[in-house]
């Protein structure tokens, strides 16, 4: 995607913090930012799989000699780990300009009454509590300098619930409510609150939902052309490279085969 010199200039020198950056949308977003800014920025990449982050760091540094990349193992469902992360953030990377609150997951398709407590806790602690904790730690910095972007990775599931998705949908609807309130609380500042609500995206998301069963994951999306992680990454970078007075507050992004969470057209073979 071509951004032109204006967007490149707006991104230059910024520090971008991305959670869940080891794969999928998070990884694609890191690559897209590096490309859009021609490597003239700092990236803080966090996830649970440090080896994947380090591999991505090596790839970015090989292509963009001027880029600065910090990788940190972080599970956002662990509040003590989040606090430790911010306390130990090196000074060179401490002046964060953009938070991409991307870490999130779904576990299982169980109906209410049959949902594992572990799955319920995992989804809420990651998608809601951890997300909010990241914002709580960064918002004072953003208020102090009266600037900063917070990008929340929501979902089409925040708009419509479906059988087997009660908890996941509840987490995304809670996140949407939190983000809406945050935007209104920030209205007298130059802090931008952006929520992106993707539809079906071809990432590891379904694999995680099916506990690593790739066969079941593949069958769920068989016959449909999903969005790619790059599709969402391009939107994230585009929205955060607009002039500061422009806020894409909320964006629902669907593949052409999808009209809502429960309405997906499966192409005949």
C-alpha atoms as a PDB file:
ATOM      1  CA  UNK A   1       0.000   0.000   0.000  1.00  0.00           C
ATOM      2  CA  UNK A   2       1.406   3.406  -0.964  1.00  0.00           C
ATOM      3  CA  UNK A   3       1.107   6.137   1.667  1.00  0.00           C
ATOM      4  CA  UNK A   4       3.025   8.993   0.056  1.00  0.00           C
ATOM      5  CA  UNK A   5       5.510  11.328   1.687  1.00  0.00           C
ATOM      6  CA  UNK A   6       3.004  13.033   4.028  1.00  0.00           C
ATOM      7  CA  UNK A   7       2.085   9.819   5.846  1.00  0.00           C
ATOM      8  CA  UNK A   8       5.698   8.687   5.916  1.00  0.00           C
ATOM      9  CA  UNK A   9       6.681  11.986   7.507  1.00  0.00           C
ATOM     10  CA  UNK A  10       3.913  11.740  10.099  1.00  0.00           C
ATOM     11  CA  UNK A  11       5.116   8.301  11.197  1.00  0.00           C
ATOM     12  CA  UNK A  12       8.835   9.108  11.194  1.00  0.00           C
ATOM     13  CA  UNK A  13      10.421   9.022  14.635  1.00  0.00           C
ATOM     14  CA  UNK A  14       7.369   7.591  16.381  1.00  0.00           C
ATOM     15  CA  UNK A  15       7.425   4.767  18.907  1.00  0.00           C
ATOM     16  CA  UNK A  16       4.797   2.096  18.247  1.00  0.00           C
ATOM     17  CA  UNK A  17       3.817  -0.497  20.861  1.00  0.00           C
ATOM     18  CA  UNK A  18       2.102  -3.627  19.494  1.00  0.00           C
ATOM     19  CA  UNK A  19       0.711  -6.442  21.655  1.00  0.00           C
ATOM     20  CA  UNK A  20       0.250  -9.913  20.178  1.00  0.00           C
ATOM     21  CA  UNK A  21       2.942  -9.146  17.599  1.00  0.00           C
ATOM     22  CA  UNK A  22       4.312 -12.670  17.129  1.00  0.00           C
ATOM     23  CA  UNK A  23       1.869 -13.611  14.348  1.00  0.00           C
ATOM     24  CA  UNK A  24      -1.254 -12.607  12.461  1.00  0.00           C
ATOM     25  CA  UNK A  25      -2.463  -9.011  12.553  1.00  0.00           C
ATOM     26  CA  UNK A  26       0.167  -7.927  15.092  1.00  0.00           C
ATOM     27  CA  UNK A  27       3.079  -9.213  13.027  1.00  0.00           C
ATOM     28  CA  UNK A  28       1.632  -7.812   9.802  1.00  0.00           C
ATOM     29  CA  UNK A  29       1.115  -4.420  11.457  1.00  0.00           C
ATOM     30  CA  UNK A  30       4.743  -4.256  12.580  1.00  0.00           C
ATOM     31  CA  UNK A  31       5.905  -4.961   9.026  1.00  0.00           C
ATOM     32  CA  UNK A  32       3.454  -2.435   7.581  1.00  0.00           C
ATOM     33  CA  UNK A  33       4.611   0.323   9.948  1.00  0.00           C
ATOM     34  CA  UNK A  34       8.255  -0.354   9.113  1.00  0.00           C
ATOM     35  CA  UNK A  35       7.483  -0.174   5.396  1.00  0.00           C
ATOM     36  CA  UNK A  36       5.289   2.939   5.628  1.00  0.00           C
ATOM     37  CA  UNK A  37       7.882   4.858   7.673  1.00  0.00           C
ATOM     38  CA  UNK A  38      10.781   3.486   5.615  1.00  0.00           C
ATOM     39  CA  UNK A  39      12.255   2.150   8.842  1.00  0.00           C
ATOM     40  CA  UNK A  40      12.455   5.571  10.509  1.00  0.00           C
ATOM     41  CA  UNK A  41      10.663   4.617  13.733  1.00  0.00           C
ATOM     42  CA  UNK A  42      10.832   2.501  16.885  1.00  0.00           C
ATOM     43  CA  UNK A  43       8.804  -0.654  17.409  1.00  0.00           C
ATOM     44  CA  UNK A  44       8.057  -2.337  20.725  1.00  0.00           C
ATOM     45  CA  UNK A  45       6.843  -5.846  19.935  1.00  0.00           C
ATOM     46  CA  UNK A  46       5.255  -7.956  22.662  1.00  0.00           C
ATOM     47  CA  UNK A  47       3.740 -11.435  22.758  1.00  0.00           C
ATOM     48  CA  UNK A  48       4.027 -14.705  24.634  1.00  0.00           C
ATOM     49  CA  UNK A  49       6.339 -16.278  22.024  1.00  0.00           C
ATOM     50  CA  UNK A  50       9.617 -14.415  22.286  1.00  0.00           C
ATOM     51  CA  UNK A  51      11.372 -16.549  19.668  1.00  0.00           C
ATOM     52  CA  UNK A  52       8.879 -15.463  17.018  1.00  0.00           C
ATOM     53  CA  UNK A  53       9.289 -11.822  18.025  1.00  0.00           C
ATOM     54  CA  UNK A  54      13.060 -12.107  17.761  1.00  0.00           C
ATOM     55  CA  UNK A  55      12.714 -13.669  14.308  1.00  0.00           C
ATOM     56  CA  UNK A  56      10.531 -10.760  13.199  1.00  0.00           C
ATOM     57  CA  UNK A  57      13.011  -8.282  14.684  1.00  0.00           C
ATOM     58  CA  UNK A  58      15.869  -9.819  12.661  1.00  0.00           C
ATOM     59  CA  UNK A  59      13.774  -9.639   9.498  1.00  0.00           C
ATOM     60  CA  UNK A  60      12.908  -5.972  10.035  1.00  0.00           C
ATOM     61  CA  UNK A  61      16.452  -4.944  10.931  1.00  0.00           C
ATOM     62  CA  UNK A  62      17.827  -6.676   7.846  1.00  0.00           C
ATOM     63  CA  UNK A  63      15.438  -4.750   5.574  1.00  0.00           C
ATOM     64  CA  UNK A  64      15.464  -1.406   7.412  1.00  0.00           C
ATOM     65  CA  UNK A  65      18.926  -0.546   8.822  1.00  0.00           C
ATOM     66  CA  UNK A  66      17.685   2.533  10.726  1.00  0.00           C
ATOM     67  CA  UNK A  67      14.791   0.849  12.510  1.00  0.00           C
ATOM     68  CA  UNK A  68      14.937   0.240  16.272  1.00  0.00           C
ATOM     69  CA  UNK A  69      13.078  -2.799  17.559  1.00  0.00           C
ATOM     70  CA  UNK A  70      12.540  -3.942  21.148  1.00  0.00           C
ATOM     71  CA  UNK A  71      11.048  -7.396  21.742  1.00  0.00           C
ATOM     72  CA  UNK A  72       9.527  -8.331  25.101  1.00  0.00           C
ATOM     73  CA  UNK A  73       7.807 -11.516  26.215  1.00  0.00           C
ATOM     74  CA  UNK A  74       4.426 -10.423  27.596  1.00  0.00           C
ATOM     75  CA  UNK A  75       1.165 -12.185  28.400  1.00  0.00           C
ATOM     76  CA  UNK A  76      -1.425  -9.413  28.722  1.00  0.00           C
ATOM     77  CA  UNK A  77      -3.684 -11.661  30.811  1.00  0.00           C
ATOM     78  CA  UNK A  78      -1.072 -11.363  33.583  1.00  0.00           C
ATOM     79  CA  UNK A  79      -1.525  -7.950  35.211  1.00  0.00           C
ATOM     80  CA  UNK A  80       1.691  -8.206  37.212  1.00  0.00           C
ATOM     81  CA  UNK A  81       3.588  -8.876  33.963  1.00  0.00           C
ATOM     82  CA  UNK A  82       2.087  -5.731  32.413  1.00  0.00           C
ATOM     83  CA  UNK A  83       3.149  -3.631  35.393  1.00  0.00           C
ATOM     84  CA  UNK A  84       6.671  -5.103  35.241  1.00  0.00           C
ATOM     85  CA  UNK A  85       6.814  -4.472  31.491  1.00  0.00           C
ATOM     86  CA  UNK A  86       6.127  -0.752  31.851  1.00  0.00           C
ATOM     87  CA  UNK A  87       8.461  -0.360  34.830  1.00  0.00           C
ATOM     88  CA  UNK A  88      11.329  -1.975  32.917  1.00  0.00           C
ATOM     89  CA  UNK A  89      10.748  -0.299  29.555  1.00  0.00           C
ATOM     90  CA  UNK A  90      14.098   1.166  28.432  1.00  0.00           C
ATOM     91  CA  UNK A  91      14.196   4.975  28.364  1.00  0.00           C
ATOM     92  CA  UNK A  92      14.865   4.946  24.623  1.00  0.00           C
ATOM     93  CA  UNK A  93      11.482   3.269  24.071  1.00  0.00           C
ATOM     94  CA  UNK A  94       9.509   4.822  26.943  1.00  0.00           C
ATOM     95  CA  UNK A  95       7.938   7.714  25.010  1.00  0.00           C
ATOM     96  CA  UNK A  96       5.244   5.646  23.283  1.00  0.00           C
ATOM     97  CA  UNK A  97       3.188   7.409  20.600  1.00  0.00           C
ATOM     98  CA  UNK A  98       0.868   4.643  19.419  1.00  0.00           C
ATOM     99  CA  UNK A  99      -0.602   1.620  21.211  1.00  0.00           C
ATOM    100  CA  UNK A 100      -1.919  -1.195  19.035  1.00  0.00           C
ATOM    101  CA  UNK A 101      -3.958  -3.207  21.542  1.00  0.00           C
ATOM    102  CA  UNK A 102      -4.050  -6.300  19.358  1.00  0.00           C
ATOM    103  CA  UNK A 103      -3.642  -9.272  21.729  1.00  0.00           C
ATOM    104  CA  UNK A 104      -6.856 -11.276  21.923  1.00  0.00           C
ATOM    105  CA  UNK A 105      -8.297 -14.740  21.466  1.00  0.00           C
ATOM    106  CA  UNK A 106     -11.309 -17.014  21.495  1.00  0.00           C
ATOM    107  CA  UNK A 107     -11.418 -20.425  23.143  1.00  0.00           C
ATOM    108  CA  UNK A 108     -13.944 -23.057  22.107  1.00  0.00           C
ATOM    109  CA  UNK A 109     -17.509 -23.037  20.820  1.00  0.00           C
ATOM    110  CA  UNK A 110     -19.268 -24.344  23.920  1.00  0.00           C
ATOM    111  CA  UNK A 111     -22.800 -23.210  24.705  1.00  0.00           C
ATOM    112  CA  UNK A 112     -23.682 -21.467  27.968  1.00  0.00           C
ATOM    113  CA  UNK A 113     -23.829 -24.026  30.775  1.00  0.00           C
ATOM    114  CA  UNK A 114     -21.017 -26.037  29.212  1.00  0.00           C
ATOM    115  CA  UNK A 115     -18.300 -23.373  29.044  1.00  0.00           C
ATOM    116  CA  UNK A 116     -15.010 -24.178  30.742  1.00  0.00           C
ATOM    117  CA  UNK A 117     -14.168 -21.720  33.525  1.00  0.00           C
ATOM    118  CA  UNK A 118     -10.571 -21.707  32.297  1.00  0.00           C
ATOM    119  CA  UNK A 119     -11.709 -20.663  28.818  1.00  0.00           C
ATOM    120  CA  UNK A 120     -13.997 -17.989  30.247  1.00  0.00           C
ATOM    121  CA  UNK A 121     -11.227 -16.562  32.434  1.00  0.00           C
ATOM    122  CA  UNK A 122      -8.696 -16.698  29.599  1.00  0.00           C
ATOM    123  CA  UNK A 123     -10.928 -14.728  27.208  1.00  0.00           C
ATOM    124  CA  UNK A 124     -11.948 -12.053  29.711  1.00  0.00           C
ATOM    125  CA  UNK A 125      -8.475 -11.659  31.193  1.00  0.00           C
ATOM    126  CA  UNK A 126      -6.894 -11.300  27.744  1.00  0.00           C
ATOM    127  CA  UNK A 127      -9.525  -9.488  25.691  1.00  0.00           C
ATOM    128  CA  UNK A 128     -10.871  -7.140  28.363  1.00  0.00           C
ATOM    129  CA  UNK A 129      -8.839  -6.903  31.580  1.00  0.00           C
ATOM    130  CA  UNK A 130      -5.435  -7.039  29.879  1.00  0.00           C
ATOM    131  CA  UNK A 131      -6.512  -4.624  27.163  1.00  0.00           C
ATOM    132  CA  UNK A 132      -7.771  -2.116  29.718  1.00  0.00           C
ATOM    133  CA  UNK A 133      -4.596  -2.479  31.788  1.00  0.00           C
ATOM    134  CA  UNK A 134      -2.450  -1.539  28.788  1.00  0.00           C
ATOM    135  CA  UNK A 135      -4.550   1.601  28.293  1.00  0.00           C
ATOM    136  CA  UNK A 136      -4.473   2.477  31.995  1.00  0.00           C
ATOM    137  CA  UNK A 137      -0.675   2.393  32.014  1.00  0.00           C
ATOM    138  CA  UNK A 138      -0.227   4.464  28.857  1.00  0.00           C
ATOM    139  CA  UNK A 139      -3.021   7.013  29.138  1.00  0.00           C
ATOM    140  CA  UNK A 140      -1.273   9.204  31.761  1.00  0.00           C
ATOM    141  CA  UNK A 141       1.713   9.557  29.401  1.00  0.00           C
ATOM    142  CA  UNK A 142      -0.557  10.449  26.491  1.00  0.00           C
ATOM    143  CA  UNK A 143      -2.402  13.014  28.621  1.00  0.00           C
ATOM    144  CA  UNK A 144       0.842  14.558  29.800  1.00  0.00           C
ATOM    145  CA  UNK A 145       1.998  15.255  26.242  1.00  0.00           C
ATOM    146  CA  UNK A 146      -1.560  15.701  24.906  1.00  0.00           C
ATOM    147  CA  UNK A 147      -1.066  13.307  22.016  1.00  0.00           C
ATOM    148  CA  UNK A 148      -1.093   9.620  21.206  1.00  0.00           C
ATOM    149  CA  UNK A 149      -3.144   7.001  19.406  1.00  0.00           C
ATOM    150  CA  UNK A 150      -4.869   4.025  21.029  1.00  0.00           C
ATOM    151  CA  UNK A 151      -5.982   1.410  18.508  1.00  0.00           C
ATOM    152  CA  UNK A 152      -8.348  -1.226  19.875  1.00  0.00           C
ATOM    153  CA  UNK A 153      -8.727  -4.477  17.951  1.00  0.00           C
ATOM    154  CA  UNK A 154     -12.387  -5.241  18.314  1.00  0.00           C
ATOM    155  CA  UNK A 155     -14.468  -7.586  16.198  1.00  0.00           C
ATOM    156  CA  UNK A 156     -17.648  -7.870  14.190  1.00  0.00           C
ATOM    157  CA  UNK A 157     -18.666  -9.985  17.207  1.00  0.00           C
ATOM    158  CA  UNK A 158     -18.987  -6.729  19.171  1.00  0.00           C
ATOM    159  CA  UNK A 159     -22.061  -5.937  17.083  1.00  0.00           C
ATOM    160  CA  UNK A 160     -23.813  -9.314  16.936  1.00  0.00           C
ATOM    161  CA  UNK A 161     -23.738 -12.349  19.217  1.00  0.00           C
ATOM    162  CA  UNK A 162     -23.979 -15.922  17.951  1.00  0.00           C
ATOM    163  CA  UNK A 163     -24.490 -19.424  19.404  1.00  0.00           C
ATOM    164  CA  UNK A 164     -21.265 -20.863  20.774  1.00  0.00           C
ATOM    165  CA  UNK A 165     -19.712 -17.419  21.060  1.00  0.00           C
ATOM    166  CA  UNK A 166     -21.392 -16.051  24.199  1.00  0.00           C
ATOM    167  CA  UNK A 167     -18.179 -15.325  26.082  1.00  0.00           C
ATOM    168  CA  UNK A 168     -16.075 -14.155  23.150  1.00  0.00           C
ATOM    169  CA  UNK A 169     -18.881 -11.843  21.988  1.00  0.00           C
ATOM    170  CA  UNK A 170     -19.320 -10.565  25.543  1.00  0.00           C
ATOM    171  CA  UNK A 171     -15.630  -9.673  25.733  1.00  0.00           C
ATOM    172  CA  UNK A 172     -15.706  -7.787  22.452  1.00  0.00           C
ATOM    173  CA  UNK A 173     -18.912  -5.980  23.358  1.00  0.00           C
ATOM    174  CA  UNK A 174     -17.369  -4.999  26.694  1.00  0.00           C
ATOM    175  CA  UNK A 175     -14.296  -3.733  24.859  1.00  0.00           C
ATOM    176  CA  UNK A 176     -16.462  -1.692  22.504  1.00  0.00           C
ATOM    177  CA  UNK A 177     -18.290  -0.093  25.460  1.00  0.00           C
ATOM    178  CA  UNK A 178     -14.996   0.665  27.217  1.00  0.00           C
ATOM    179  CA  UNK A 179     -13.526   2.168  24.048  1.00  0.00           C
ATOM    180  CA  UNK A 180     -16.594   4.327  23.443  1.00  0.00           C
ATOM    181  CA  UNK A 181     -16.426   5.714  26.983  1.00  0.00           C
ATOM    182  CA  UNK A 182     -12.678   6.274  26.651  1.00  0.00           C
ATOM    183  CA  UNK A 183     -13.193   8.233  23.439  1.00  0.00           C
ATOM    184  CA  UNK A 184     -15.748  10.493  25.142  1.00  0.00           C
ATOM    185  CA  UNK A 185     -13.496  10.999  28.161  1.00  0.00           C
ATOM    186  CA  UNK A 186     -10.651  11.991  25.820  1.00  0.00           C
ATOM    187  CA  UNK A 187     -12.672  14.410  23.707  1.00  0.00           C
ATOM    188  CA  UNK A 188     -10.968  17.494  25.189  1.00  0.00           C
ATOM    189  CA  UNK A 189      -7.506  16.157  24.301  1.00  0.00           C
ATOM    190  CA  UNK A 190      -5.585  15.383  21.112  1.00  0.00           C
ATOM    191  CA  UNK A 191      -5.514  11.678  21.971  1.00  0.00           C
ATOM    192  CA  UNK A 192      -7.137   9.590  19.249  1.00  0.00           C
ATOM    193  CA  UNK A 193      -9.172   6.510  20.171  1.00  0.00           C
ATOM    194  CA  UNK A 194      -9.607   4.172  17.207  1.00  0.00           C
ATOM    195  CA  UNK A 195     -11.511   0.875  17.193  1.00  0.00           C
ATOM    196  CA  UNK A 196     -11.145  -1.569  14.325  1.00  0.00           C
ATOM    197  CA  UNK A 197     -13.702  -4.365  14.055  1.00  0.00           C
ATOM    198  CA  UNK A 198     -12.507  -7.064  11.627  1.00  0.00           C
ATOM    199  CA  UNK A 199     -14.681  -9.784  10.244  1.00  0.00           C
ATOM    200  CA  UNK A 200     -13.235 -13.152   9.269  1.00  0.00           C
ATOM    201  CA  UNK A 201      -9.435 -12.941   8.992  1.00  0.00           C
ATOM    202  CA  UNK A 202      -7.094 -15.754   7.983  1.00  0.00           C
ATOM    203  CA  UNK A 203      -4.764 -15.954  11.016  1.00  0.00           C
ATOM    204  CA  UNK A 204      -4.025 -18.402  13.853  1.00  0.00           C
ATOM    205  CA  UNK A 205      -7.222 -17.195  15.563  1.00  0.00           C
ATOM    206  CA  UNK A 206      -9.295 -20.242  14.589  1.00  0.00           C
ATOM    207  CA  UNK A 207      -6.445 -22.629  15.408  1.00  0.00           C
ATOM    208  CA  UNK A 208      -6.362 -21.242  18.947  1.00  0.00           C
ATOM    209  CA  UNK A 209     -10.142 -21.421  19.212  1.00  0.00           C
ATOM    210  CA  UNK A 210     -10.043 -25.108  18.320  1.00  0.00           C
ATOM    211  CA  UNK A 211      -7.171 -25.761  20.766  1.00  0.00           C
ATOM    212  CA  UNK A 212      -4.664 -26.339  17.975  1.00  0.00           C
ATOM    213  CA  UNK A 213      -6.895 -28.594  15.832  1.00  0.00           C
ATOM    214  CA  UNK A 214      -5.958 -27.263  12.383  1.00  0.00           C
ATOM    215  CA  UNK A 215      -8.351 -29.639  10.595  1.00  0.00           C
ATOM    216  CA  UNK A 216     -11.372 -28.266  12.481  1.00  0.00           C
ATOM    217  CA  UNK A 217     -10.067 -24.735  12.022  1.00  0.00           C
ATOM    218  CA  UNK A 218      -9.710 -25.162   8.277  1.00  0.00           C
ATOM    219  CA  UNK A 219     -13.189 -26.696   7.979  1.00  0.00           C
ATOM    220  CA  UNK A 220     -14.769 -23.691   9.732  1.00  0.00           C
ATOM    221  CA  UNK A 221     -13.581 -21.320   7.006  1.00  0.00           C
ATOM    222  CA  UNK A 222     -13.697 -23.732   4.095  1.00  0.00           C
ATOM    223  CA  UNK A 223     -15.091 -22.235   0.899  1.00  0.00           C
ATOM    224  CA  UNK A 224     -14.810 -18.585   1.921  1.00  0.00           C
ATOM    225  CA  UNK A 225     -12.219 -15.966   1.035  1.00  0.00           C
ATOM    226  CA  UNK A 226     -11.234 -14.387   4.329  1.00  0.00           C
ATOM    227  CA  UNK A 227      -9.433 -11.132   4.876  1.00  0.00           C
ATOM    228  CA  UNK A 228      -5.682 -11.397   5.344  1.00  0.00           C
ATOM    229  CA  UNK A 229      -3.716 -10.020   8.279  1.00  0.00           C
ATOM    230  CA  UNK A 230      -2.144  -7.581   5.807  1.00  0.00           C
ATOM    231  CA  UNK A 231      -5.599  -6.181   4.969  1.00  0.00           C
ATOM    232  CA  UNK A 232      -6.140  -5.155   8.595  1.00  0.00           C
ATOM    233  CA  UNK A 233      -2.545  -3.983   9.062  1.00  0.00           C
ATOM    234  CA  UNK A 234      -2.897  -1.610   6.108  1.00  0.00           C
ATOM    235  CA  UNK A 235      -6.001  -0.067   7.694  1.00  0.00           C
ATOM    236  CA  UNK A 236      -4.309   0.348  11.084  1.00  0.00           C
ATOM    237  CA  UNK A 237      -1.308   2.134   9.616  1.00  0.00           C
ATOM    238  CA  UNK A 238      -3.492   4.236   7.309  1.00  0.00           C
ATOM    239  CA  UNK A 239      -5.752   5.393  10.164  1.00  0.00           C
ATOM    240  CA  UNK A 240      -2.849   6.296  12.454  1.00  0.00           C
ATOM    241  CA  UNK A 241      -0.985   8.175   9.724  1.00  0.00           C
ATOM    242  CA  UNK A 242      -3.792  10.702   9.122  1.00  0.00           C
ATOM    243  CA  UNK A 243      -3.479  14.307  10.280  1.00  0.00           C
ATOM    244  CA  UNK A 244      -3.938  14.616  14.034  1.00  0.00           C
ATOM    245  CA  UNK A 245      -7.320  16.319  13.680  1.00  0.00           C
ATOM    246  CA  UNK A 246      -8.692  13.293  11.784  1.00  0.00           C
ATOM    247  CA  UNK A 247     -10.011  10.352  13.780  1.00  0.00           C
ATOM    248  CA  UNK A 248     -11.359   7.176  12.220  1.00  0.00           C
ATOM    249  CA  UNK A 249     -13.243   6.431  15.408  1.00  0.00           C
ATOM    250  CA  UNK A 250     -14.758   3.078  14.476  1.00  0.00           C
ATOM    251  CA  UNK A 251     -14.302   0.903  11.408  1.00  0.00           C
ATOM    252  CA  UNK A 252     -16.054  -2.377  10.531  1.00  0.00           C
ATOM    253  CA  UNK A 253     -13.936  -4.270   7.994  1.00  0.00           C
ATOM    254  CA  UNK A 254     -15.469  -7.347   6.349  1.00  0.00           C
ATOM    255  CA  UNK A 255     -14.461  -9.637   3.499  1.00  0.00           C
ATOM    256  CA  UNK A 256     -16.799  -9.449   0.506  1.00  0.00           C
ATOM    257  CA  UNK A 257     -18.335 -12.811   1.457  1.00  0.00           C
ATOM    258  CA  UNK A 258     -19.474 -11.594   4.882  1.00  0.00           C
ATOM    259  CA  UNK A 259     -22.359  -9.279   5.776  1.00  0.00           C
ATOM    260  CA  UNK A 260     -22.344  -9.915   9.537  1.00  0.00           C
ATOM    261  CA  UNK A 261     -20.935 -12.403  12.024  1.00  0.00           C
ATOM    262  CA  UNK A 262     -23.743 -14.889  11.337  1.00  0.00           C
ATOM    263  CA  UNK A 263     -24.120 -14.185   7.613  1.00  0.00           C
ATOM    264  CA  UNK A 264     -21.192 -15.549   5.630  1.00  0.00           C
ATOM    265  CA  UNK A 265     -21.650 -16.650   2.049  1.00  0.00           C
ATOM    266  CA  UNK A 266     -19.844 -19.871   1.230  1.00  0.00           C
ATOM    267  CA  UNK A 267     -18.935 -20.014  -2.428  1.00  0.00           C
ATOM    268  CA  UNK A 268     -19.950 -23.221  -4.148  1.00  0.00           C
ATOM    269  CA  UNK A 269     -17.085 -25.300  -5.516  1.00  0.00           C
END
